[in-house]
């Protein structure tokens, strides 16, 4: 079996960015839910754990985001914050896809070179 540590790490990166997008979308969907508390994850920390563990178990540490202003109904979702986070995560995802595409392109070039 061919080992591709960079491609494996990029796969974990893309999986994590997808999780972040789902979490942000859930926060945005609950902007009008009384008492809802914004959820977040430590992207860099989770990515480091995924690299150390050589895989993602799916057990992400998701917690309430502190320091946000709550409305009288107890909800603290900020659409401005979530929109910015969604844009950032989309950029991270696109970057990961491009890096993975480049990785596979290099592999295909090596195969096509036929040892010349």
PDB file of N, CA and C in Angstrom:
ATOM      1  N   UNK A   1       0.849  -1.178   0.000  1.00  0.00           N
ATOM      2  CA  UNK A   1       0.000   0.000   0.000  1.00  0.00           C
ATOM      3  C   UNK A   1       0.887   1.230   0.000  1.00  0.00           C
ATOM      4  N   UNK A   2       0.510   2.191  -0.795  1.00  0.00           N
ATOM      5  CA  UNK A   2       1.249   3.437  -0.933  1.00  0.00           C
ATOM      6  C   UNK A   2       0.939   4.369   0.245  1.00  0.00           C
ATOM      7  N   UNK A   3       1.979   4.805   0.944  1.00  0.00           N
ATOM      8  CA  UNK A   3       1.785   5.729   2.053  1.00  0.00           C
ATOM      9  C   UNK A   3       1.965   7.146   1.557  1.00  0.00           C
ATOM     10  N   UNK A   4       1.033   7.992   1.894  1.00  0.00           N
ATOM     11  CA  UNK A   4       1.080   9.391   1.488  1.00  0.00           C
ATOM     12  C   UNK A   4       0.778  10.260   2.706  1.00  0.00           C
ATOM     13  N   UNK A   5       1.777  10.499   3.548  1.00  0.00           N
ATOM     14  CA  UNK A   5       1.515  11.228   4.790  1.00  0.00           C
ATOM     15  C   UNK A   5       0.959  12.630   4.566  1.00  0.00           C
ATOM     16  N   UNK A   6       1.422  13.314   3.528  1.00  0.00           N
ATOM     17  CA  UNK A   6       0.913  14.662   3.281  1.00  0.00           C
ATOM     18  C   UNK A   6      -0.551  14.613   2.869  1.00  0.00           C
ATOM     19  N   UNK A   7      -0.876  13.688   1.979  1.00  0.00           N
ATOM     20  CA  UNK A   7      -2.270  13.556   1.548  1.00  0.00           C
ATOM     21  C   UNK A   7      -3.158  13.150   2.717  1.00  0.00           C
ATOM     22  N   UNK A   8      -2.670  12.273   3.581  1.00  0.00           N
ATOM     23  CA  UNK A   8      -3.449  11.870   4.754  1.00  0.00           C
ATOM     24  C   UNK A   8      -3.685  13.062   5.687  1.00  0.00           C
ATOM     25  N   UNK A   9      -2.652  13.865   5.895  1.00  0.00           N
ATOM     26  CA  UNK A   9      -2.803  15.044   6.751  1.00  0.00           C
ATOM     27  C   UNK A   9      -3.782  16.039   6.123  1.00  0.00           C
ATOM     28  N   UNK A  10      -3.718  16.196   4.800  1.00  0.00           N
ATOM     29  CA  UNK A  10      -4.655  17.097   4.125  1.00  0.00           C
ATOM     30  C   UNK A  10      -6.083  16.576   4.220  1.00  0.00           C
ATOM     31  N   UNK A  11      -6.242  15.277   4.160  1.00  0.00           N
ATOM     32  CA  UNK A  11      -7.578  14.698   4.321  1.00  0.00           C
ATOM     33  C   UNK A  11      -8.128  15.017   5.702  1.00  0.00           C
ATOM     34  N   UNK A  12      -7.303  14.868   6.724  1.00  0.00           N
ATOM     35  CA  UNK A  12      -7.740  15.200   8.085  1.00  0.00           C
ATOM     36  C   UNK A  12      -8.072  16.694   8.198  1.00  0.00           C
ATOM     37  N   UNK A  13      -7.263  17.521   7.543  1.00  0.00           N
ATOM     38  CA  UNK A  13      -7.494  18.972   7.535  1.00  0.00           C
ATOM     39  C   UNK A  13      -8.847  19.288   6.908  1.00  0.00           C
ATOM     40  N   UNK A  14      -9.148  18.664   5.768  1.00  0.00           N
ATOM     41  CA  UNK A  14     -10.424  18.911   5.094  1.00  0.00           C
ATOM     42  C   UNK A  14     -11.597  18.404   5.928  1.00  0.00           C
ATOM     43  N   UNK A  15     -11.428  17.277   6.582  1.00  0.00           N
ATOM     44  CA  UNK A  15     -12.485  16.758   7.453  1.00  0.00           C
ATOM     45  C   UNK A  15     -12.763  17.729   8.589  1.00  0.00           C
ATOM     46  N   UNK A  16     -11.705  18.280   9.149  1.00  0.00           N
ATOM     47  CA  UNK A  16     -11.866  19.219  10.250  1.00  0.00           C
ATOM     48  C   UNK A  16     -12.512  20.518   9.784  1.00  0.00           C
ATOM     49  N   UNK A  17     -12.144  21.022   8.614  1.00  0.00           N
ATOM     50  CA  UNK A  17     -12.775  22.249   8.112  1.00  0.00           C
ATOM     51  C   UNK A  17     -14.259  22.000   7.833  1.00  0.00           C
ATOM     52  N   UNK A  18     -14.588  20.811   7.370  1.00  0.00           N
ATOM     53  CA  UNK A  18     -16.000  20.473   7.150  1.00  0.00           C
ATOM     54  C   UNK A  18     -16.758  20.481   8.468  1.00  0.00           C
ATOM     55  N   UNK A  19     -16.158  19.920   9.512  1.00  0.00           N
ATOM     56  CA  UNK A  19     -16.785  19.937  10.843  1.00  0.00           C
ATOM     57  C   UNK A  19     -16.994  21.372  11.323  1.00  0.00           C
ATOM     58  N   UNK A  20     -15.986  22.226  11.073  1.00  0.00           N
ATOM     59  CA  UNK A  20     -16.093  23.629  11.492  1.00  0.00           C
ATOM     60  C   UNK A  20     -17.231  24.318  10.752  1.00  0.00           C
ATOM     61  N   UNK A  21     -17.373  24.053   9.455  1.00  0.00           N
ATOM     62  CA  UNK A  21     -18.457  24.664   8.682  1.00  0.00           C
ATOM     63  C   UNK A  21     -19.820  24.211   9.202  1.00  0.00           C
ATOM     64  N   UNK A  22     -19.952  22.934   9.546  1.00  0.00           N
ATOM     65  CA  UNK A  22     -21.223  22.431  10.081  1.00  0.00           C
ATOM     66  C   UNK A  22     -21.555  23.104  11.412  1.00  0.00           C
ATOM     67  N   UNK A  23     -20.542  23.268  12.253  1.00  0.00           N
ATOM     68  CA  UNK A  23     -20.743  23.900  13.550  1.00  0.00           C
ATOM     69  C   UNK A  23     -21.155  25.360  13.387  1.00  0.00           C
ATOM     70  N   UNK A  24     -20.501  26.062  12.484  1.00  0.00           N
ATOM     71  CA  UNK A  24     -20.840  27.464  12.227  1.00  0.00           C
ATOM     72  C   UNK A  24     -22.252  27.576  11.663  1.00  0.00           C
ATOM     73  N   UNK A  25     -22.602  26.680  10.750  1.00  0.00           N
ATOM     74  CA  UNK A  25     -23.957  26.685  10.178  1.00  0.00           C
ATOM     75  C   UNK A  25     -24.995  26.435  11.264  1.00  0.00           C
ATOM     76  N   UNK A  26     -24.704  25.541  12.200  1.00  0.00           N
ATOM     77  CA  UNK A  26     -25.630  25.274  13.310  1.00  0.00           C
ATOM     78  C   UNK A  26     -25.785  26.512  14.183  1.00  0.00           C
ATOM     79  N   UNK A  27     -24.687  27.208  14.432  1.00  0.00           N
ATOM     80  CA  UNK A  27     -24.767  28.444  15.210  1.00  0.00           C
ATOM     81  C   UNK A  27     -25.648  29.464  14.497  1.00  0.00           C
ATOM     82  N   UNK A  28     -25.443  29.611  13.187  1.00  0.00           N
ATOM     83  CA  UNK A  28     -26.229  30.589  12.423  1.00  0.00           C
ATOM     84  C   UNK A  28     -27.709  30.189  12.397  1.00  0.00           C
ATOM     85  N   UNK A  29     -27.977  28.906  12.291  1.00  0.00           N
ATOM     86  CA  UNK A  29     -29.364  28.444  12.239  1.00  0.00           C
ATOM     87  C   UNK A  29     -30.092  28.681  13.555  1.00  0.00           C
ATOM     88  N   UNK A  30     -29.345  28.797  14.626  1.00  0.00           N
ATOM     89  CA  UNK A  30     -29.949  28.979  15.942  1.00  0.00           C
ATOM     90  C   UNK A  30     -29.868  30.412  16.441  1.00  0.00           C
ATOM     91  N   UNK A  31     -29.687  31.357  15.535  1.00  0.00           N
ATOM     92  CA  UNK A  31     -29.543  32.753  15.947  1.00  0.00           C
ATOM     93  C   UNK A  31     -30.779  33.264  16.689  1.00  0.00           C
ATOM     94  N   UNK A  32     -31.941  32.709  16.419  1.00  0.00           N
ATOM     95  CA  UNK A  32     -33.169  33.155  17.083  1.00  0.00           C
ATOM     96  C   UNK A  32     -33.683  32.173  18.121  1.00  0.00           C
ATOM     97  N   UNK A  33     -32.889  31.176  18.489  1.00  0.00           N
ATOM     98  CA  UNK A  33     -33.307  30.187  19.486  1.00  0.00           C
ATOM     99  C   UNK A  33     -32.993  30.716  20.886  1.00  0.00           C
ATOM    100  N   UNK A  34     -34.037  30.979  21.683  1.00  0.00           N
ATOM    101  CA  UNK A  34     -33.774  31.489  23.038  1.00  0.00           C
ATOM    102  C   UNK A  34     -32.876  30.532  23.834  1.00  0.00           C
ATOM    103  N   UNK A  35     -31.897  31.111  24.492  1.00  0.00           N
ATOM    104  CA  UNK A  35     -31.015  30.336  25.356  1.00  0.00           C
ATOM    105  C   UNK A  35     -29.897  29.599  24.642  1.00  0.00           C
ATOM    106  N   UNK A  36     -29.893  29.622  23.308  1.00  0.00           N
ATOM    107  CA  UNK A  36     -28.836  28.903  22.578  1.00  0.00           C
ATOM    108  C   UNK A  36     -27.503  29.573  22.821  1.00  0.00           C
ATOM    109  N   UNK A  37     -26.479  28.762  23.044  1.00  0.00           N
ATOM    110  CA  UNK A  37     -25.128  29.276  23.285  1.00  0.00           C
ATOM    111  C   UNK A  37     -24.243  28.894  22.111  1.00  0.00           C
ATOM    112  N   UNK A  38     -23.490  29.848  21.615  1.00  0.00           N
ATOM    113  CA  UNK A  38     -22.588  29.624  20.487  1.00  0.00           C
ATOM    114  C   UNK A  38     -21.588  28.523  20.814  1.00  0.00           C
ATOM    115  N   UNK A  39     -21.469  27.560  19.889  1.00  0.00           N
ATOM    116  CA  UNK A  39     -20.531  26.453  20.056  1.00  0.00           C
ATOM    117  C   UNK A  39     -19.304  26.696  19.173  1.00  0.00           C
ATOM    118  N   UNK A  40     -18.179  26.236  19.619  1.00  0.00           N
ATOM    119  CA  UNK A  40     -16.958  26.406  18.841  1.00  0.00           C
ATOM    120  C   UNK A  40     -15.968  25.300  19.145  1.00  0.00           C
ATOM    121  N   UNK A  41     -14.924  25.238  18.324  1.00  0.00           N
ATOM    122  CA  UNK A  41     -13.844  24.290  18.574  1.00  0.00           C
ATOM    123  C   UNK A  41     -12.512  24.966  18.313  1.00  0.00           C
ATOM    124  N   UNK A  42     -11.495  24.446  18.926  1.00  0.00           N
ATOM    125  CA  UNK A  42     -10.128  24.946  18.765  1.00  0.00           C
ATOM    126  C   UNK A  42      -9.544  24.241  17.533  1.00  0.00           C
ATOM    127  N   UNK A  43      -9.667  24.898  16.363  1.00  0.00           N
ATOM    128  CA  UNK A  43      -9.281  24.272  15.106  1.00  0.00           C
ATOM    129  C   UNK A  43      -7.827  23.808  15.126  1.00  0.00           C
ATOM    130  N   UNK A  44      -6.922  24.687  15.506  1.00  0.00           N
ATOM    131  CA  UNK A  44      -5.500  24.340  15.498  1.00  0.00           C
ATOM    132  C   UNK A  44      -5.209  23.198  16.473  1.00  0.00           C
ATOM    133  N   UNK A  45      -5.814  23.269  17.655  1.00  0.00           N
ATOM    134  CA  UNK A  45      -5.601  22.213  18.644  1.00  0.00           C
ATOM    135  C   UNK A  45      -6.125  20.865  18.165  1.00  0.00           C
ATOM    136  N   UNK A  46      -7.317  20.883  17.556  1.00  0.00           N
ATOM    137  CA  UNK A  46      -7.901  19.637  17.064  1.00  0.00           C
ATOM    138  C   UNK A  46      -7.086  19.075  15.896  1.00  0.00           C
ATOM    139  N   UNK A  47      -6.575  19.959  15.041  1.00  0.00           N
ATOM    140  CA  UNK A  47      -5.753  19.486  13.920  1.00  0.00           C
ATOM    141  C   UNK A  47      -4.458  18.873  14.445  1.00  0.00           C
ATOM    142  N   UNK A  48      -3.869  19.512  15.449  1.00  0.00           N
ATOM    143  CA  UNK A  48      -2.664  18.948  16.060  1.00  0.00           C
ATOM    144  C   UNK A  48      -2.935  17.582  16.671  1.00  0.00           C
ATOM    145  N   UNK A  49      -4.080  17.435  17.343  1.00  0.00           N
ATOM    146  CA  UNK A  49      -4.431  16.134  17.927  1.00  0.00           C
ATOM    147  C   UNK A  49      -4.622  15.089  16.827  1.00  0.00           C
ATOM    148  N   UNK A  50      -5.242  15.505  15.715  1.00  0.00           N
ATOM    149  CA  UNK A  50      -5.477  14.572  14.604  1.00  0.00           C
ATOM    150  C   UNK A  50      -4.160  14.113  13.997  1.00  0.00           C
ATOM    151  N   UNK A  51      -3.202  15.023  13.878  1.00  0.00           N
ATOM    152  CA  UNK A  51      -1.900  14.650  13.326  1.00  0.00           C
ATOM    153  C   UNK A  51      -1.155  13.723  14.277  1.00  0.00           C
ATOM    154  N   UNK A  52      -1.233  14.023  15.559  1.00  0.00           N
ATOM    155  CA  UNK A  52      -0.558  13.177  16.551  1.00  0.00           C
ATOM    156  C   UNK A  52      -1.140  11.771  16.576  1.00  0.00           C
ATOM    157  N   UNK A  53      -2.465  11.697  16.415  1.00  0.00           N
ATOM    158  CA  UNK A  53      -3.141  10.404  16.501  1.00  0.00           C
ATOM    159  C   UNK A  53      -3.155   9.679  15.161  1.00  0.00           C
ATOM    160  N   UNK A  54      -2.668  10.334  14.080  1.00  0.00           N
ATOM    161  CA  UNK A  54      -2.677   9.760  12.733  1.00  0.00           C
ATOM    162  C   UNK A  54      -4.077   9.376  12.286  1.00  0.00           C
ATOM    163  N   UNK A  55      -5.014  10.191  12.613  1.00  0.00           N
ATOM    164  CA  UNK A  55      -6.382   9.947  12.191  1.00  0.00           C
ATOM    165  C   UNK A  55      -7.323  10.789  13.016  1.00  0.00           C
ATOM    166  N   UNK A  56      -8.579  10.806  12.623  1.00  0.00           N
ATOM    167  CA  UNK A  56      -9.564  11.538  13.403  1.00  0.00           C
ATOM    168  C   UNK A  56     -10.592  10.548  13.904  1.00  0.00           C
ATOM    169  N   UNK A  57     -10.763  10.523  15.188  1.00  0.00           N
ATOM    170  CA  UNK A  57     -11.717   9.590  15.771  1.00  0.00           C
ATOM    171  C   UNK A  57     -13.131  10.135  15.707  1.00  0.00           C
ATOM    172  N   UNK A  58     -13.281  11.413  15.433  1.00  0.00           N
ATOM    173  CA  UNK A  58     -14.602  12.022  15.418  1.00  0.00           C
ATOM    174  C   UNK A  58     -14.983  12.581  16.774  1.00  0.00           C
ATOM    175  N   UNK A  59     -14.116  12.402  17.762  1.00  0.00           N
ATOM    176  CA  UNK A  59     -14.378  12.923  19.095  1.00  0.00           C
ATOM    177  C   UNK A  59     -13.778  14.312  19.230  1.00  0.00           C
ATOM    178  N   UNK A  60     -14.398  15.268  18.593  1.00  0.00           N
ATOM    179  CA  UNK A  60     -13.931  16.641  18.677  1.00  0.00           C
ATOM    180  C   UNK A  60     -14.376  17.258  19.993  1.00  0.00           C
ATOM    181  N   UNK A  61     -13.549  18.153  20.516  1.00  0.00           N
ATOM    182  CA  UNK A  61     -13.913  18.883  21.717  1.00  0.00           C
ATOM    183  C   UNK A  61     -14.643  20.151  21.303  1.00  0.00           C
ATOM    184  N   UNK A  62     -15.945  20.144  21.484  1.00  0.00           N
ATOM    185  CA  UNK A  62     -16.781  21.296  21.145  1.00  0.00           C
ATOM    186  C   UNK A  62     -17.277  21.889  22.438  1.00  0.00           C
ATOM    187  N   UNK A  63     -17.142  23.209  22.547  1.00  0.00           N
ATOM    188  CA  UNK A  63     -17.521  23.854  23.798  1.00  0.00           C
ATOM    189  C   UNK A  63     -18.193  25.188  23.514  1.00  0.00           C
ATOM    190  N   UNK A  64     -18.803  25.743  24.556  1.00  0.00           N
ATOM    191  CA  UNK A  64     -19.383  27.079  24.442  1.00  0.00           C
ATOM    192  C   UNK A  64     -18.263  28.075  24.194  1.00  0.00           C
ATOM    193  N   UNK A  65     -18.574  29.074  23.387  1.00  0.00           N
ATOM    194  CA  UNK A  65     -17.608  30.132  23.106  1.00  0.00           C
ATOM    195  C   UNK A  65     -17.807  31.223  24.152  1.00  0.00           C
ATOM    196  N   UNK A  66     -16.766  31.551  24.841  1.00  0.00           N
ATOM    197  CA  UNK A  66     -16.853  32.559  25.884  1.00  0.00           C
ATOM    198  C   UNK A  66     -16.634  33.959  25.350  1.00  0.00           C
ATOM    199  N   UNK A  67     -16.995  34.932  26.151  1.00  0.00           N
ATOM    200  CA  UNK A  67     -16.721  36.320  25.819  1.00  0.00           C
ATOM    201  C   UNK A  67     -17.693  36.957  24.851  1.00  0.00           C
ATOM    202  N   UNK A  68     -18.799  36.279  24.535  1.00  0.00           N
ATOM    203  CA  UNK A  68     -19.779  36.850  23.616  1.00  0.00           C
ATOM    204  C   UNK A  68     -20.901  37.506  24.423  1.00  0.00           C
ATOM    205  N   UNK A  69     -21.462  38.534  23.866  1.00  0.00           N
ATOM    206  CA  UNK A  69     -22.553  39.242  24.525  1.00  0.00           C
ATOM    207  C   UNK A  69     -23.861  38.483  24.327  1.00  0.00           C
ATOM    208  N   UNK A  70     -24.567  38.253  25.408  1.00  0.00           N
ATOM    209  CA  UNK A  70     -25.852  37.563  25.340  1.00  0.00           C
ATOM    210  C   UNK A  70     -26.988  38.569  25.233  1.00  0.00           C
ATOM    211  N   UNK A  71     -28.024  38.184  24.468  1.00  0.00           N
ATOM    212  CA  UNK A  71     -29.231  39.005  24.395  1.00  0.00           C
ATOM    213  C   UNK A  71     -30.119  38.649  25.595  1.00  0.00           C
ATOM    214  N   UNK A  72     -31.193  39.416  25.815  1.00  0.00           N
ATOM    215  CA  UNK A  72     -32.067  39.126  26.964  1.00  0.00           C
ATOM    216  C   UNK A  72     -32.636  37.708  26.963  1.00  0.00           C
ATOM    217  N   UNK A  73     -32.768  37.071  25.769  1.00  0.00           N
ATOM    218  CA  UNK A  73     -33.304  35.695  25.740  1.00  0.00           C
ATOM    219  C   UNK A  73     -32.232  34.643  26.021  1.00  0.00           C
ATOM    220  N   UNK A  74     -30.999  35.068  26.303  1.00  0.00           N
ATOM    221  CA  UNK A  74     -29.921  34.135  26.637  1.00  0.00           C
ATOM    222  C   UNK A  74     -29.114  33.659  25.451  1.00  0.00           C
ATOM    223  N   UNK A  75     -29.558  33.981  24.238  1.00  0.00           N
ATOM    224  CA  UNK A  75     -28.835  33.586  23.023  1.00  0.00           C
ATOM    225  C   UNK A  75     -27.646  34.524  22.832  1.00  0.00           C
ATOM    226  N   UNK A  76     -26.505  33.965  22.439  1.00  0.00           N
ATOM    227  CA  UNK A  76     -25.323  34.804  22.234  1.00  0.00           C
ATOM    228  C   UNK A  76     -24.720  34.651  20.838  1.00  0.00           C
ATOM    229  N   UNK A  77     -25.508  34.166  19.867  1.00  0.00           N
ATOM    230  CA  UNK A  77     -24.998  34.001  18.500  1.00  0.00           C
ATOM    231  C   UNK A  77     -24.869  35.371  17.843  1.00  0.00           C
ATOM    232  N   UNK A  78     -23.708  35.631  17.264  1.00  0.00           N
ATOM    233  CA  UNK A  78     -23.462  36.853  16.500  1.00  0.00           C
ATOM    234  C   UNK A  78     -23.324  36.465  15.032  1.00  0.00           C
ATOM    235  N   UNK A  79     -24.259  36.916  14.212  1.00  0.00           N
ATOM    236  CA  UNK A  79     -24.180  36.588  12.786  1.00  0.00           C
ATOM    237  C   UNK A  79     -22.924  37.161  12.140  1.00  0.00           C
ATOM    238  N   UNK A  80     -22.464  38.312  12.613  1.00  0.00           N
ATOM    239  CA  UNK A  80     -21.220  38.881  12.082  1.00  0.00           C
ATOM    240  C   UNK A  80     -20.048  37.941  12.354  1.00  0.00           C
ATOM    241  N   UNK A  81     -19.953  37.453  13.594  1.00  0.00           N
ATOM    242  CA  UNK A  81     -18.861  36.538  13.957  1.00  0.00           C
ATOM    243  C   UNK A  81     -18.960  35.240  13.166  1.00  0.00           C
ATOM    244  N   UNK A  82     -20.153  34.690  13.083  1.00  0.00           N
ATOM    245  CA  UNK A  82     -20.326  33.407  12.389  1.00  0.00           C
ATOM    246  C   UNK A  82     -20.077  33.549  10.890  1.00  0.00           C
ATOM    247  N   UNK A  83     -20.490  34.669  10.300  1.00  0.00           N
ATOM    248  CA  UNK A  83     -20.250  34.889   8.870  1.00  0.00           C
ATOM    249  C   UNK A  83     -18.754  34.992   8.584  1.00  0.00           C
ATOM    250  N   UNK A  84     -18.041  35.705   9.449  1.00  0.00           N
ATOM    251  CA  UNK A  84     -16.593  35.823   9.282  1.00  0.00           C
ATOM    252  C   UNK A  84     -15.926  34.450   9.437  1.00  0.00           C
ATOM    253  N   UNK A  85     -16.369  33.675  10.411  1.00  0.00           N
ATOM    254  CA  UNK A  85     -15.806  32.350  10.638  1.00  0.00           C
ATOM    255  C   UNK A  85     -16.102  31.418   9.465  1.00  0.00           C
ATOM    256  N   UNK A  86     -17.311  31.523   8.896  1.00  0.00           N
ATOM    257  CA  UNK A  86     -17.669  30.697   7.745  1.00  0.00           C
ATOM    258  C   UNK A  86     -16.790  31.049   6.544  1.00  0.00           C
ATOM    259  N   UNK A  87     -16.567  32.339   6.307  1.00  0.00           N
ATOM    260  CA  UNK A  87     -15.705  32.750   5.195  1.00  0.00           C
ATOM    261  C   UNK A  87     -14.280  32.233   5.405  1.00  0.00           C
ATOM    262  N   UNK A  88     -13.782  32.338   6.620  1.00  0.00           N
ATOM    263  CA  UNK A  88     -12.435  31.858   6.935  1.00  0.00           C
ATOM    264  C   UNK A  88     -12.340  30.354   6.711  1.00  0.00           C
ATOM    265  N   UNK A  89     -13.342  29.622   7.157  1.00  0.00           N
ATOM    266  CA  UNK A  89     -13.326  28.168   7.027  1.00  0.00           C
ATOM    267  C   UNK A  89     -13.427  27.744   5.562  1.00  0.00           C
ATOM    268  N   UNK A  90     -14.222  28.456   4.780  1.00  0.00           N
ATOM    269  CA  UNK A  90     -14.310  28.151   3.350  1.00  0.00           C
ATOM    270  C   UNK A  90     -12.969  28.363   2.665  1.00  0.00           C
ATOM    271  N   UNK A  91     -12.265  29.416   3.051  1.00  0.00           N
ATOM    272  CA  UNK A  91     -10.937  29.669   2.495  1.00  0.00           C
ATOM    273  C   UNK A  91      -9.966  28.562   2.895  1.00  0.00           C
ATOM    274  N   UNK A  92     -10.038  28.133   4.146  1.00  0.00           N
ATOM    275  CA  UNK A  92      -9.181  27.030   4.596  1.00  0.00           C
ATOM    276  C   UNK A  92      -9.485  25.763   3.809  1.00  0.00           C
ATOM    277  N   UNK A  93     -10.762  25.504   3.560  1.00  0.00           N
ATOM    278  CA  UNK A  93     -11.150  24.303   2.824  1.00  0.00           C
ATOM    279  C   UNK A  93     -10.616  24.355   1.397  1.00  0.00           C
ATOM    280  N   UNK A  94     -10.807  25.499   0.739  1.00  0.00           N
ATOM    281  CA  UNK A  94     -10.310  25.640  -0.643  1.00  0.00           C
ATOM    282  C   UNK A  94      -8.793  25.468  -0.700  1.00  0.00           C
ATOM    283  N   UNK A  95      -8.098  26.023   0.286  1.00  0.00           N
ATOM    284  CA  UNK A  95      -6.641  25.874   0.339  1.00  0.00           C
ATOM    285  C   UNK A  95      -6.267  24.399   0.476  1.00  0.00           C
ATOM    286  N   UNK A  96      -6.968  23.694   1.345  1.00  0.00           N
ATOM    287  CA  UNK A  96      -6.702  22.265   1.528  1.00  0.00           C
ATOM    288  C   UNK A  96      -6.955  21.474   0.255  1.00  0.00           C
ATOM    289  N   UNK A  97      -8.035  21.797  -0.455  1.00  0.00           N
ATOM    290  CA  UNK A  97      -8.343  21.105  -1.711  1.00  0.00           C
ATOM    291  C   UNK A  97      -7.249  21.363  -2.743  1.00  0.00           C
ATOM    292  N   UNK A  98      -6.796  22.607  -2.843  1.00  0.00           N
ATOM    293  CA  UNK A  98      -5.737  22.930  -3.806  1.00  0.00           C
ATOM    294  C   UNK A  98      -4.436  22.214  -3.466  1.00  0.00           C
ATOM    295  N   UNK A  99      -4.100  22.150  -2.194  1.00  0.00           N
ATOM    296  CA  UNK A  99      -2.881  21.447  -1.783  1.00  0.00           C
ATOM    297  C   UNK A  99      -2.984  19.957  -2.091  1.00  0.00           C
ATOM    298  N   UNK A 100      -4.159  19.391  -1.845  1.00  0.00           N
ATOM    299  CA  UNK A 100      -4.363  17.968  -2.134  1.00  0.00           C
ATOM    300  C   UNK A 100      -4.313  17.722  -3.635  1.00  0.00           C
ATOM    301  N   UNK A 101      -4.923  18.621  -4.407  1.00  0.00           N
ATOM    302  CA  UNK A 101      -4.888  18.502  -5.872  1.00  0.00           C
ATOM    303  C   UNK A 101      -3.442  18.560  -6.374  1.00  0.00           C
ATOM    304  N   UNK A 102      -2.653  19.463  -5.799  1.00  0.00           N
ATOM    305  CA  UNK A 102      -1.245  19.577  -6.183  1.00  0.00           C
ATOM    306  C   UNK A 102      -0.488  18.301  -5.839  1.00  0.00           C
ATOM    307  N   UNK A 103      -0.780  17.732  -4.678  1.00  0.00           N
ATOM    308  CA  UNK A 103      -0.118  16.496  -4.253  1.00  0.00           C
ATOM    309  C   UNK A 103      -0.381  15.380  -5.258  1.00  0.00           C
ATOM    310  N   UNK A 104      -1.631  15.217  -5.660  1.00  0.00           N
ATOM    311  CA  UNK A 104      -1.983  14.159  -6.610  1.00  0.00           C
ATOM    312  C   UNK A 104      -1.439  14.467  -8.006  1.00  0.00           C
ATOM    313  N   UNK A 105      -1.392  15.740  -8.366  1.00  0.00           N
ATOM    314  CA  UNK A 105      -0.828  16.123  -9.658  1.00  0.00           C
ATOM    315  C   UNK A 105       0.655  15.740  -9.737  1.00  0.00           C
ATOM    316  N   UNK A 106       1.378  15.977  -8.662  1.00  0.00           N
ATOM    317  CA  UNK A 106       2.793  15.589  -8.622  1.00  0.00           C
ATOM    318  C   UNK A 106       2.943  14.080  -8.755  1.00  0.00           C
ATOM    319  N   UNK A 107       2.066  13.347  -8.100  1.00  0.00           N
ATOM    320  CA  UNK A 107       2.134  11.892  -8.178  1.00  0.00           C
ATOM    321  C   UNK A 107       1.843  11.423  -9.609  1.00  0.00           C
ATOM    322  N   UNK A 108       0.854  12.036 -10.259  1.00  0.00           N
ATOM    323  CA  UNK A 108       0.529  11.663 -11.632  1.00  0.00           C
ATOM    324  C   UNK A 108       1.675  12.022 -12.572  1.00  0.00           C
ATOM    325  N   UNK A 109       2.328  13.156 -12.348  1.00  0.00           N
ATOM    326  CA  UNK A 109       3.478  13.541 -13.169  1.00  0.00           C
ATOM    327  C   UNK A 109       4.598  12.514 -13.033  1.00  0.00           C
ATOM    328  N   UNK A 110       4.809  12.052 -11.807  1.00  0.00           N
ATOM    329  CA  UNK A 110       5.863  11.056 -11.585  1.00  0.00           C
ATOM    330  C   UNK A 110       5.528   9.746 -12.298  1.00  0.00           C
ATOM    331  N   UNK A 111       4.276   9.367 -12.292  1.00  0.00           N
ATOM    332  CA  UNK A 111       3.854   8.132 -12.962  1.00  0.00           C
ATOM    333  C   UNK A 111       4.001   8.271 -14.471  1.00  0.00           C
ATOM    334  N   UNK A 112       3.612   9.437 -15.008  1.00  0.00           N
ATOM    335  CA  UNK A 112       3.666   9.670 -16.447  1.00  0.00           C
ATOM    336  C   UNK A 112       5.092   9.801 -16.966  1.00  0.00           C
ATOM    337  N   UNK A 113       6.010  10.212 -16.091  1.00  0.00           N
ATOM    338  CA  UNK A 113       7.382  10.434 -16.553  1.00  0.00           C
ATOM    339  C   UNK A 113       8.034   9.124 -16.993  1.00  0.00           C
ATOM    340  N   UNK A 114       7.481   8.013 -16.572  1.00  0.00           N
ATOM    341  CA  UNK A 114       7.943   6.693 -17.007  1.00  0.00           C
ATOM    342  C   UNK A 114       9.424   6.494 -16.743  1.00  0.00           C
ATOM    343  N   UNK A 115       9.881   7.064 -15.637  1.00  0.00           N
ATOM    344  CA  UNK A 115      11.260   6.857 -15.235  1.00  0.00           C
ATOM    345  C   UNK A 115      12.289   7.622 -16.050  1.00  0.00           C
ATOM    346  N   UNK A 116      11.863   8.543 -16.888  1.00  0.00           N
ATOM    347  CA  UNK A 116      12.816   9.321 -17.719  1.00  0.00           C
ATOM    348  C   UNK A 116      13.207  10.604 -17.039  1.00  0.00           C
TER     349      UNK A 116
END
